Amino acid sequence: MPIRTCFFWLLSAVLLLAGCSTDRDVAPLDAQLQGSWRWVQTTGGIAGVRLTPANTGYQEEIRFESNGSFYRLRDGKVIDSDTYSLFFTSAPADNRTPNLIRYGKNSLGQSFEITENRLTLYDEAADGYISQYER
């Protein structure tokens, strides 16, 4: 791999990690996130799919607990569990400060928004998915 390519990826990784911060207080946001969320739909991906409980044949729920535990349930059974933590990231190009959930230790995470009783999760990838949940 050429040295320029290695340098580019190293610099990108450093900037990404430097952009994550827990300097701001995440407690109010964490309190909003805690609890159970019922899956409504997932859209996106390279094929532009739209998945719902009606067309997949299953119900999903995600749960965030005050002790930092995360659970994903399908039809009432736990199919995934881990820890989670919240961060704020900076996006200098558009002056946004998205909220970021990181699952476990090795996750790139998802940005998210909470509006009234709706949680929207955004995969941090060009062809990522957007998932919506309701209380």
N, C-alpha and C. Protein backbone atom coordinates (compact mmCIF):
# COMPACT_ATOMS: atom_id res chain seq x y z
N MET A 1 0.85 -1.16 0.00
CA MET A 1 0.00 0.00 0.00
C MET A 1 0.91 1.24 0.00
N PRO A 2 0.66 2.18 -0.89
CA PRO A 2 1.49 3.37 -0.95
C PRO A 2 1.41 4.17 0.35
N ILE A 3 2.49 4.85 0.66
CA ILE A 3 2.57 5.62 1.91
C ILE A 3 1.49 6.69 1.99
N ARG A 4 1.12 7.30 0.85
CA ARG A 4 0.06 8.31 0.86
C ARG A 4 -1.28 7.72 1.30
N THR A 5 -1.56 6.54 0.83
CA THR A 5 -2.81 5.88 1.20
C THR A 5 -2.83 5.57 2.69
N CYS A 6 -1.73 5.04 3.19
CA CYS A 6 -1.64 4.75 4.63
C CYS A 6 -1.80 6.02 5.45
N PHE A 7 -1.15 7.08 5.02
CA PHE A 7 -1.24 8.35 5.73
C PHE A 7 -2.68 8.87 5.72
N PHE A 8 -3.34 8.77 4.58
CA PHE A 8 -4.73 9.22 4.47
C PHE A 8 -5.63 8.49 5.46
N TRP A 9 -5.52 7.18 5.53
CA TRP A 9 -6.38 6.39 6.42
C TRP A 9 -6.04 6.65 7.88
N LEU A 10 -4.77 6.81 8.19
CA LEU A 10 -4.37 7.12 9.55
C LEU A 10 -4.91 8.48 9.98
N LEU A 11 -4.78 9.47 9.11
CA LEU A 11 -5.29 10.80 9.40
C LEU A 11 -6.82 10.78 9.56
N SER A 12 -7.51 10.04 8.71
CA SER A 12 -8.97 9.92 8.80
C SER A 12 -9.39 9.32 10.14
N ALA A 13 -8.70 8.27 10.56
CA ALA A 13 -9.02 7.62 11.83
C ALA A 13 -8.80 8.57 13.00
N VAL A 14 -7.69 9.30 12.98
CA VAL A 14 -7.39 10.25 14.06
C VAL A 14 -8.46 11.33 14.13
N LEU A 15 -8.86 11.88 12.98
CA LEU A 15 -9.88 12.93 12.97
C LEU A 15 -11.23 12.42 13.44
N LEU A 16 -11.57 11.19 13.05
CA LEU A 16 -12.84 10.60 13.49
C LEU A 16 -12.85 10.43 15.01
N LEU A 17 -11.78 9.90 15.56
CA LEU A 17 -11.72 9.69 17.00
C LEU A 17 -11.65 11.01 17.75
N ALA A 18 -10.96 11.98 17.19
CA ALA A 18 -10.86 13.29 17.84
C ALA A 18 -12.19 14.01 17.84
N GLY A 19 -13.04 13.70 16.88
CA GLY A 19 -14.34 14.34 16.79
C GLY A 19 -15.34 13.85 17.81
N CYS A 20 -15.09 12.70 18.43
CA CYS A 20 -15.99 12.16 19.44
C CYS A 20 -15.66 12.81 20.78
N SER A 21 -16.71 13.16 21.50
CA SER A 21 -16.49 13.85 22.76
C SER A 21 -17.56 13.48 23.75
N THR A 22 -17.17 13.38 25.00
CA THR A 22 -18.13 13.24 26.08
C THR A 22 -18.06 14.48 26.96
N ASP A 23 -17.48 15.57 26.45
CA ASP A 23 -17.35 16.80 27.22
C ASP A 23 -18.71 17.36 27.62
N ARG A 24 -19.67 17.30 26.74
CA ARG A 24 -21.02 17.77 27.05
C ARG A 24 -21.72 16.71 27.88
N ASP A 25 -22.64 17.13 28.68
CA ASP A 25 -23.37 16.23 29.55
C ASP A 25 -24.38 15.42 28.75
N VAL A 26 -24.19 14.11 28.73
CA VAL A 26 -25.10 13.24 27.97
C VAL A 26 -26.24 12.71 28.83
N ALA A 27 -26.25 13.01 30.13
CA ALA A 27 -27.26 12.45 31.03
C ALA A 27 -28.69 12.77 30.61
N PRO A 28 -29.02 14.03 30.25
CA PRO A 28 -30.42 14.29 29.83
C PRO A 28 -30.81 13.50 28.58
N LEU A 29 -29.90 13.38 27.64
CA LEU A 29 -30.17 12.63 26.42
C LEU A 29 -30.31 11.15 26.73
N ASP A 30 -29.47 10.63 27.61
CA ASP A 30 -29.54 9.23 27.99
C ASP A 30 -30.88 8.93 28.67
N ALA A 31 -31.35 9.85 29.49
CA ALA A 31 -32.65 9.66 30.16
C ALA A 31 -33.78 9.58 29.14
N GLN A 32 -33.70 10.39 28.08
CA GLN A 32 -34.71 10.34 27.01
C GLN A 32 -34.66 9.02 26.26
N LEU A 33 -33.47 8.47 26.07
CA LEU A 33 -33.28 7.26 25.29
C LEU A 33 -33.72 6.01 26.05
N GLN A 34 -33.56 6.02 27.37
CA GLN A 34 -33.84 4.82 28.17
C GLN A 34 -35.29 4.38 28.03
N GLY A 35 -35.43 3.07 28.04
CA GLY A 35 -36.76 2.46 27.94
C GLY A 35 -36.87 1.61 26.70
N SER A 36 -38.08 1.21 26.39
CA SER A 36 -38.35 0.32 25.25
C SER A 36 -38.87 1.11 24.06
N TRP A 37 -38.42 0.68 22.88
CA TRP A 37 -38.82 1.31 21.62
C TRP A 37 -39.28 0.22 20.66
N ARG A 38 -40.48 0.39 20.09
CA ARG A 38 -41.06 -0.57 19.15
C ARG A 38 -40.67 -0.18 17.73
N TRP A 39 -40.18 -1.16 16.97
CA TRP A 39 -39.73 -0.92 15.60
C TRP A 39 -40.91 -0.60 14.69
N VAL A 40 -40.76 0.47 13.88
CA VAL A 40 -41.79 0.89 12.93
C VAL A 40 -41.36 0.55 11.51
N GLN A 41 -40.14 0.97 11.14
CA GLN A 41 -39.65 0.68 9.78
C GLN A 41 -38.15 0.92 9.69
N THR A 42 -37.55 0.28 8.68
CA THR A 42 -36.15 0.50 8.31
C THR A 42 -36.12 0.75 6.82
N THR A 43 -35.44 1.81 6.41
CA THR A 43 -35.33 2.14 4.98
C THR A 43 -33.87 2.36 4.62
N GLY A 44 -33.58 2.24 3.33
CA GLY A 44 -32.24 2.57 2.84
C GLY A 44 -31.48 1.38 2.33
N GLY A 45 -30.17 1.44 2.52
CA GLY A 45 -29.29 0.42 1.97
C GLY A 45 -29.07 0.67 0.50
N ILE A 46 -28.20 -0.08 -0.10
CA ILE A 46 -27.85 0.11 -1.51
C ILE A 46 -29.04 -0.14 -2.43
N ALA A 47 -29.97 -1.01 -1.99
CA ALA A 47 -31.14 -1.32 -2.82
C ALA A 47 -32.33 -0.42 -2.52
N GLY A 48 -32.23 0.42 -1.50
CA GLY A 48 -33.33 1.31 -1.16
C GLY A 48 -34.56 0.58 -0.64
N VAL A 49 -34.35 -0.38 0.23
CA VAL A 49 -35.45 -1.20 0.73
C VAL A 49 -36.27 -0.46 1.78
N ARG A 50 -37.46 -0.95 2.02
CA ARG A 50 -38.31 -0.48 3.12
C ARG A 50 -38.84 -1.72 3.83
N LEU A 51 -38.35 -1.93 5.05
CA LEU A 51 -38.76 -3.08 5.85
C LEU A 51 -39.68 -2.62 6.97
N THR A 52 -40.74 -3.37 7.20
CA THR A 52 -41.70 -3.07 8.27
C THR A 52 -42.09 -4.39 8.93
N PRO A 53 -42.73 -4.32 10.09
CA PRO A 53 -43.24 -5.56 10.68
C PRO A 53 -44.22 -6.28 9.75
N ALA A 54 -45.00 -5.54 8.98
CA ALA A 54 -45.97 -6.16 8.07
C ALA A 54 -45.31 -6.97 6.96
N ASN A 55 -44.21 -6.44 6.38
CA ASN A 55 -43.62 -7.18 5.26
C ASN A 55 -42.48 -8.12 5.66
N THR A 56 -42.06 -8.08 6.93
CA THR A 56 -41.03 -9.03 7.38
C THR A 56 -41.64 -10.18 8.18
N GLY A 57 -42.84 -9.96 8.73
CA GLY A 57 -43.49 -11.01 9.50
C GLY A 57 -43.04 -11.10 10.95
N TYR A 58 -42.28 -10.12 11.44
CA TYR A 58 -41.87 -10.14 12.85
C TYR A 58 -41.93 -8.75 13.45
N GLN A 59 -42.01 -8.73 14.78
CA GLN A 59 -41.98 -7.49 15.57
C GLN A 59 -40.61 -7.38 16.21
N GLU A 60 -40.08 -6.15 16.28
CA GLU A 60 -38.83 -5.93 16.99
C GLU A 60 -38.99 -4.81 18.00
N GLU A 61 -38.16 -4.88 19.00
CA GLU A 61 -38.14 -3.86 20.05
C GLU A 61 -36.68 -3.71 20.48
N ILE A 62 -36.28 -2.49 20.78
CA ILE A 62 -34.97 -2.27 21.37
C ILE A 62 -35.17 -1.64 22.73
N ARG A 63 -34.25 -1.95 23.64
CA ARG A 63 -34.38 -1.45 25.01
C ARG A 63 -33.03 -0.94 25.49
N PHE A 64 -33.03 0.26 26.03
CA PHE A 64 -31.84 0.87 26.62
C PHE A 64 -32.10 1.01 28.12
N GLU A 65 -31.18 0.49 28.94
CA GLU A 65 -31.37 0.53 30.38
C GLU A 65 -30.39 1.50 31.05
N SER A 66 -30.75 1.96 32.23
CA SER A 66 -29.95 2.97 32.93
C SER A 66 -28.56 2.47 33.32
N ASN A 67 -28.35 1.16 33.37
CA ASN A 67 -27.03 0.62 33.72
C ASN A 67 -26.12 0.49 32.49
N GLY A 68 -26.57 1.02 31.33
CA GLY A 68 -25.75 0.96 30.12
C GLY A 68 -25.95 -0.30 29.29
N SER A 69 -26.98 -1.08 29.60
CA SER A 69 -27.25 -2.30 28.83
C SER A 69 -28.20 -2.00 27.68
N PHE A 70 -27.99 -2.73 26.58
CA PHE A 70 -28.80 -2.61 25.37
C PHE A 70 -29.31 -3.99 25.00
N TYR A 71 -30.58 -4.08 24.60
CA TYR A 71 -31.18 -5.35 24.17
C TYR A 71 -31.98 -5.14 22.90
N ARG A 72 -31.91 -6.11 21.99
CA ARG A 72 -32.77 -6.14 20.81
C ARG A 72 -33.59 -7.42 20.91
N LEU A 73 -34.91 -7.26 20.83
CA LEU A 73 -35.82 -8.39 20.94
C LEU A 73 -36.58 -8.56 19.63
N ARG A 74 -36.76 -9.79 19.21
CA ARG A 74 -37.58 -10.11 18.04
C ARG A 74 -38.67 -11.06 18.50
N ASP A 75 -39.90 -10.64 18.28
CA ASP A 75 -41.06 -11.41 18.73
C ASP A 75 -40.92 -11.81 20.21
N GLY A 76 -40.42 -10.86 21.02
CA GLY A 76 -40.34 -11.05 22.46
C GLY A 76 -39.10 -11.77 22.96
N LYS A 77 -38.24 -12.28 22.07
CA LYS A 77 -37.05 -13.01 22.49
C LYS A 77 -35.80 -12.18 22.22
N VAL A 78 -34.87 -12.16 23.16
CA VAL A 78 -33.63 -11.40 23.02
C VAL A 78 -32.78 -12.02 21.92
N ILE A 79 -32.44 -11.23 20.90
CA ILE A 79 -31.59 -11.71 19.81
C ILE A 79 -30.23 -11.03 19.81
N ASP A 80 -30.08 -9.95 20.60
CA ASP A 80 -28.81 -9.24 20.69
C ASP A 80 -28.78 -8.49 22.01
N SER A 81 -27.64 -8.48 22.65
CA SER A 81 -27.48 -7.69 23.87
C SER A 81 -26.03 -7.22 23.95
N ASP A 82 -25.84 -6.05 24.52
CA ASP A 82 -24.50 -5.48 24.63
C ASP A 82 -24.59 -4.30 25.59
N THR A 83 -23.53 -3.56 25.69
CA THR A 83 -23.56 -2.30 26.42
C THR A 83 -23.67 -1.18 25.39
N TYR A 84 -24.00 0.01 25.87
CA TYR A 84 -24.04 1.16 24.97
C TYR A 84 -23.50 2.37 25.71
N SER A 85 -23.00 3.34 24.94
CA SER A 85 -22.58 4.61 25.50
C SER A 85 -22.91 5.70 24.50
N LEU A 86 -23.10 6.90 25.01
CA LEU A 86 -23.47 8.04 24.17
C LEU A 86 -22.31 9.01 24.03
N PHE A 87 -22.22 9.61 22.85
CA PHE A 87 -21.19 10.59 22.55
C PHE A 87 -21.80 11.69 21.71
N PHE A 88 -21.14 12.81 21.68
CA PHE A 88 -21.44 13.87 20.73
C PHE A 88 -20.29 13.90 19.75
N THR A 89 -20.58 14.05 18.48
CA THR A 89 -19.53 14.16 17.47
C THR A 89 -19.64 15.51 16.80
N SER A 90 -18.55 15.93 16.24
CA SER A 90 -18.59 17.19 15.51
C SER A 90 -18.46 16.91 14.03
N ALA A 91 -19.22 17.64 13.26
CA ALA A 91 -19.18 17.53 11.81
C ALA A 91 -18.87 18.92 11.27
N PRO A 92 -17.58 19.28 11.14
CA PRO A 92 -17.21 20.65 10.80
C PRO A 92 -17.79 21.16 9.49
N ALA A 93 -18.06 20.29 8.56
CA ALA A 93 -18.53 20.74 7.25
C ALA A 93 -19.90 21.41 7.33
N ASP A 94 -20.75 20.96 8.25
CA ASP A 94 -22.09 21.54 8.32
C ASP A 94 -22.45 22.05 9.71
N ASN A 95 -21.48 22.13 10.60
CA ASN A 95 -21.67 22.64 11.96
C ASN A 95 -22.73 21.89 12.75
N ARG A 96 -23.01 20.65 12.41
CA ARG A 96 -23.95 19.84 13.18
C ARG A 96 -23.20 19.19 14.34
N THR A 97 -23.91 18.81 15.34
CA THR A 97 -23.35 18.02 16.42
C THR A 97 -24.28 16.84 16.66
N PRO A 98 -24.15 15.79 15.84
CA PRO A 98 -25.07 14.66 15.99
C PRO A 98 -24.79 13.87 17.27
N ASN A 99 -25.82 13.24 17.77
CA ASN A 99 -25.70 12.35 18.91
C ASN A 99 -25.29 10.99 18.36
N LEU A 100 -24.41 10.31 19.07
CA LEU A 100 -23.90 9.03 18.60
C LEU A 100 -24.05 7.99 19.69
N ILE A 101 -24.61 6.83 19.33
CA ILE A 101 -24.67 5.67 20.22
C ILE A 101 -23.58 4.72 19.75
N ARG A 102 -22.77 4.27 20.67
CA ARG A 102 -21.77 3.25 20.35
C ARG A 102 -22.13 2.01 21.16
N TYR A 103 -22.26 0.87 20.48
CA TYR A 103 -22.63 -0.38 21.11
C TYR A 103 -21.35 -1.18 21.38
N GLY A 104 -21.17 -1.65 22.59
CA GLY A 104 -19.98 -2.42 22.92
C GLY A 104 -18.72 -1.60 22.75
N LYS A 105 -17.61 -2.27 22.54
CA LYS A 105 -16.32 -1.58 22.44
C LYS A 105 -15.86 -1.38 21.00
N ASN A 106 -16.37 -2.16 20.06
CA ASN A 106 -15.83 -2.14 18.70
C ASN A 106 -16.79 -1.57 17.66
N SER A 107 -17.82 -0.90 18.09
CA SER A 107 -18.83 -0.41 17.16
C SER A 107 -18.49 0.98 16.65
N LEU A 108 -18.77 1.22 15.37
CA LEU A 108 -18.68 2.58 14.84
C LEU A 108 -19.84 3.42 15.34
N GLY A 109 -20.93 2.77 15.67
CA GLY A 109 -22.07 3.46 16.24
C GLY A 109 -23.08 3.92 15.22
N GLN A 110 -24.12 4.54 15.75
CA GLN A 110 -25.19 5.10 14.94
C GLN A 110 -25.51 6.49 15.49
N SER A 111 -25.78 7.42 14.59
CA SER A 111 -26.28 8.70 15.07
C SER A 111 -27.78 8.54 15.27
N PHE A 112 -28.36 9.43 16.11
CA PHE A 112 -29.77 9.28 16.42
C PHE A 112 -30.41 10.61 16.76
N GLU A 113 -31.73 10.61 16.62
CA GLU A 113 -32.57 11.75 17.00
C GLU A 113 -33.77 11.22 17.77
N ILE A 114 -34.20 11.98 18.76
CA ILE A 114 -35.43 11.67 19.47
C ILE A 114 -36.35 12.86 19.31
N THR A 115 -37.51 12.62 18.70
CA THR A 115 -38.51 13.66 18.51
C THR A 115 -39.82 13.14 19.07
N GLU A 116 -40.29 13.80 20.13
CA GLU A 116 -41.48 13.36 20.84
C GLU A 116 -41.33 11.89 21.22
N ASN A 117 -42.16 11.01 20.69
CA ASN A 117 -42.08 9.59 21.03
C ASN A 117 -41.47 8.76 19.91
N ARG A 118 -40.64 9.37 19.07
CA ARG A 118 -40.03 8.67 17.94
C ARG A 118 -38.51 8.73 18.05
N LEU A 119 -37.88 7.57 17.91
CA LEU A 119 -36.43 7.44 17.88
C LEU A 119 -36.02 7.08 16.47
N THR A 120 -35.10 7.83 15.89
CA THR A 120 -34.59 7.53 14.55
C THR A 120 -33.10 7.24 14.66
N LEU A 121 -32.69 6.07 14.17
CA LEU A 121 -31.29 5.64 14.18
C LEU A 121 -30.75 5.68 12.76
N TYR A 122 -29.58 6.28 12.59
CA TYR A 122 -28.94 6.41 11.27
C TYR A 122 -27.63 5.65 11.28
N ASP A 123 -27.48 4.68 10.37
CA ASP A 123 -26.19 4.02 10.22
C ASP A 123 -25.19 5.03 9.69
N GLU A 124 -23.99 4.99 10.23
CA GLU A 124 -22.95 5.92 9.80
C GLU A 124 -22.18 5.33 8.62
N ALA A 125 -22.86 5.24 7.49
CA ALA A 125 -22.29 4.71 6.26
C ALA A 125 -23.03 5.32 5.07
N ALA A 126 -22.36 5.41 3.94
CA ALA A 126 -22.96 6.02 2.76
C ALA A 126 -24.25 5.32 2.33
N ASP A 127 -24.27 4.01 2.37
CA ASP A 127 -25.46 3.24 1.98
C ASP A 127 -26.14 2.64 3.20
N GLY A 128 -26.07 3.35 4.31
CA GLY A 128 -26.61 2.83 5.56
C GLY A 128 -28.12 2.87 5.62
N TYR A 129 -28.63 2.28 6.66
CA TYR A 129 -30.06 2.20 6.89
C TYR A 129 -30.51 3.27 7.89
N ILE A 130 -31.76 3.63 7.81
CA ILE A 130 -32.40 4.51 8.77
C ILE A 130 -33.54 3.71 9.39
N SER A 131 -33.49 3.56 10.71
CA SER A 131 -34.53 2.79 11.40
C SER A 131 -35.31 3.70 12.32
N GLN A 132 -36.64 3.51 12.33
CA GLN A 132 -37.50 4.32 13.17
C GLN A 132 -38.22 3.44 14.18
N TYR A 133 -38.32 3.97 15.39
CA TYR A 133 -38.96 3.28 16.50
C TYR A 133 -39.89 4.24 17.21
N GLU A 134 -40.90 3.70 17.89
CA GLU A 134 -41.83 4.52 18.68
C GLU A 134 -41.95 3.92 20.07
N ARG A 135 -42.30 4.77 21.01
CA ARG A 135 -42.53 4.31 22.39
C ARG A 135 -43.82 3.54 22.45
